[in-house]
Amino acid sequence: MAEKSVDPTGVQPVDAVLLTAAEDEDLRIATEVLSSIGMAAGEVL
């Protein structure tokens, strides 16, 4: 885990943006996986 700089306001915009980007990437991958599973299931049925 990367060290987070301590911001007196408690707001860490860079960390928040990086976290959001990571979540978006995870969501995109999960969507692709589910889509692939769905297509495979459709071929089987």
N, C-alpha and C. Protein backbone atom coordinates (compact mmCIF):
# COMPACT_ATOMS: atom_id res chain seq x y z
N MET A 1 0.86 -1.21 0.00
CA MET A 1 0.00 0.00 0.00
C MET A 1 0.88 1.24 0.00
N ALA A 2 0.55 2.18 -0.85
CA ALA A 2 1.35 3.39 -0.95
C ALA A 2 1.13 4.27 0.28
N GLU A 3 2.18 4.98 0.65
CA GLU A 3 2.06 5.90 1.77
C GLU A 3 1.17 7.06 1.35
N LYS A 4 0.25 7.44 2.20
CA LYS A 4 -0.62 8.57 1.88
C LYS A 4 -0.10 9.81 2.60
N SER A 5 -0.03 10.90 1.86
CA SER A 5 0.41 12.14 2.49
C SER A 5 -0.72 12.62 3.41
N VAL A 6 -0.35 13.19 4.54
CA VAL A 6 -1.37 13.64 5.49
C VAL A 6 -1.77 15.07 5.15
N ASP A 7 -3.03 15.24 4.85
CA ASP A 7 -3.56 16.56 4.51
C ASP A 7 -4.37 17.04 5.70
N PRO A 8 -4.08 18.26 6.20
CA PRO A 8 -4.78 18.76 7.38
C PRO A 8 -6.30 18.81 7.21
N THR A 9 -6.78 18.96 5.99
CA THR A 9 -8.23 19.02 5.78
C THR A 9 -8.83 17.63 5.76
N GLY A 10 -7.97 16.62 5.59
CA GLY A 10 -8.47 15.26 5.53
C GLY A 10 -8.90 14.90 4.11
N VAL A 11 -8.80 15.87 3.20
CA VAL A 11 -9.17 15.62 1.80
C VAL A 11 -7.92 15.28 1.02
N GLN A 12 -7.97 14.18 0.28
CA GLN A 12 -6.81 13.75 -0.49
C GLN A 12 -7.26 13.52 -1.93
N PRO A 13 -7.37 14.60 -2.70
CA PRO A 13 -7.94 14.49 -4.05
C PRO A 13 -7.19 13.52 -4.95
N VAL A 14 -5.87 13.51 -4.88
CA VAL A 14 -5.11 12.60 -5.75
C VAL A 14 -5.42 11.16 -5.39
N ASP A 15 -5.42 10.84 -4.10
CA ASP A 15 -5.74 9.48 -3.66
C ASP A 15 -7.15 9.12 -4.10
N ALA A 16 -8.07 10.05 -3.96
CA ALA A 16 -9.47 9.80 -4.32
C ALA A 16 -9.58 9.51 -5.82
N VAL A 17 -8.87 10.28 -6.63
CA VAL A 17 -8.92 10.07 -8.09
C VAL A 17 -8.32 8.72 -8.44
N LEU A 18 -7.19 8.37 -7.82
CA LEU A 18 -6.55 7.09 -8.09
C LEU A 18 -7.45 5.94 -7.67
N LEU A 19 -8.10 6.09 -6.52
CA LEU A 19 -8.99 5.04 -6.02
C LEU A 19 -10.18 4.87 -6.98
N THR A 20 -10.73 5.99 -7.42
CA THR A 20 -11.86 5.93 -8.35
C THR A 20 -11.44 5.27 -9.65
N ALA A 21 -10.26 5.60 -10.14
CA ALA A 21 -9.77 5.01 -11.39
C ALA A 21 -9.61 3.50 -11.21
N ALA A 22 -9.08 3.07 -10.06
CA ALA A 22 -8.89 1.65 -9.80
C ALA A 22 -10.25 0.94 -9.75
N GLU A 23 -11.23 1.59 -9.10
CA GLU A 23 -12.56 0.99 -9.02
C GLU A 23 -13.19 0.89 -10.40
N ASP A 24 -13.00 1.92 -11.23
CA ASP A 24 -13.56 1.90 -12.58
C ASP A 24 -12.94 0.76 -13.38
N GLU A 25 -11.61 0.56 -13.21
CA GLU A 25 -10.92 -0.52 -13.93
C GLU A 25 -11.46 -1.87 -13.47
N ASP A 26 -11.63 -2.03 -12.14
CA ASP A 26 -12.16 -3.29 -11.62
C ASP A 26 -13.57 -3.53 -12.17
N LEU A 27 -14.39 -2.49 -12.22
CA LEU A 27 -15.75 -2.61 -12.71
C LEU A 27 -15.75 -3.00 -14.19
N ARG A 28 -14.84 -2.39 -14.96
CA ARG A 28 -14.77 -2.69 -16.39
C ARG A 28 -14.37 -4.15 -16.60
N ILE A 29 -13.39 -4.60 -15.83
CA ILE A 29 -12.93 -5.99 -15.95
C ILE A 29 -14.07 -6.94 -15.55
N ALA A 30 -14.73 -6.63 -14.45
CA ALA A 30 -15.83 -7.49 -13.98
C ALA A 30 -16.93 -7.54 -15.03
N THR A 31 -17.21 -6.40 -15.66
CA THR A 31 -18.26 -6.37 -16.69
C THR A 31 -17.86 -7.23 -17.88
N GLU A 32 -16.58 -7.17 -18.27
CA GLU A 32 -16.11 -7.99 -19.40
C GLU A 32 -16.20 -9.47 -19.05
N VAL A 33 -15.82 -9.82 -17.82
CA VAL A 33 -15.86 -11.22 -17.40
C VAL A 33 -17.30 -11.72 -17.40
N LEU A 34 -18.20 -10.93 -16.83
CA LEU A 34 -19.61 -11.34 -16.79
C LEU A 34 -20.17 -11.45 -18.21
N SER A 35 -19.77 -10.53 -19.08
CA SER A 35 -20.23 -10.57 -20.47
C SER A 35 -19.74 -11.85 -21.14
N SER A 36 -18.48 -12.20 -20.90
CA SER A 36 -17.91 -13.41 -21.49
C SER A 36 -18.63 -14.65 -20.98
N ILE A 37 -18.92 -14.67 -19.68
CA ILE A 37 -19.63 -15.81 -19.08
C ILE A 37 -21.03 -15.90 -19.69
N GLY A 38 -21.66 -14.74 -19.82
CA GLY A 38 -23.01 -14.71 -20.40
C GLY A 38 -23.01 -15.23 -21.82
N MET A 39 -22.02 -14.83 -22.62
CA MET A 39 -21.96 -15.31 -24.01
C MET A 39 -21.68 -16.81 -24.05
N ALA A 40 -20.80 -17.28 -23.17
CA ALA A 40 -20.50 -18.72 -23.13
C ALA A 40 -21.74 -19.50 -22.72
N ALA A 41 -22.48 -18.99 -21.74
CA ALA A 41 -23.70 -19.67 -21.29
C ALA A 41 -24.72 -19.67 -22.43
N GLY A 42 -24.79 -18.57 -23.17
CA GLY A 42 -25.73 -18.48 -24.28
C GLY A 42 -25.40 -19.51 -25.36
N GLU A 43 -24.10 -19.75 -25.60
CA GLU A 43 -23.70 -20.72 -26.60
C GLU A 43 -24.05 -22.13 -26.15
N VAL A 44 -23.91 -22.37 -24.84
CA VAL A 44 -24.21 -23.71 -24.30
C VAL A 44 -25.70 -23.99 -24.38
N LEU A 45 -26.52 -22.96 -24.08
CA LEU A 45 -27.97 -23.18 -24.05
C LEU A 45 -28.56 -23.30 -25.41
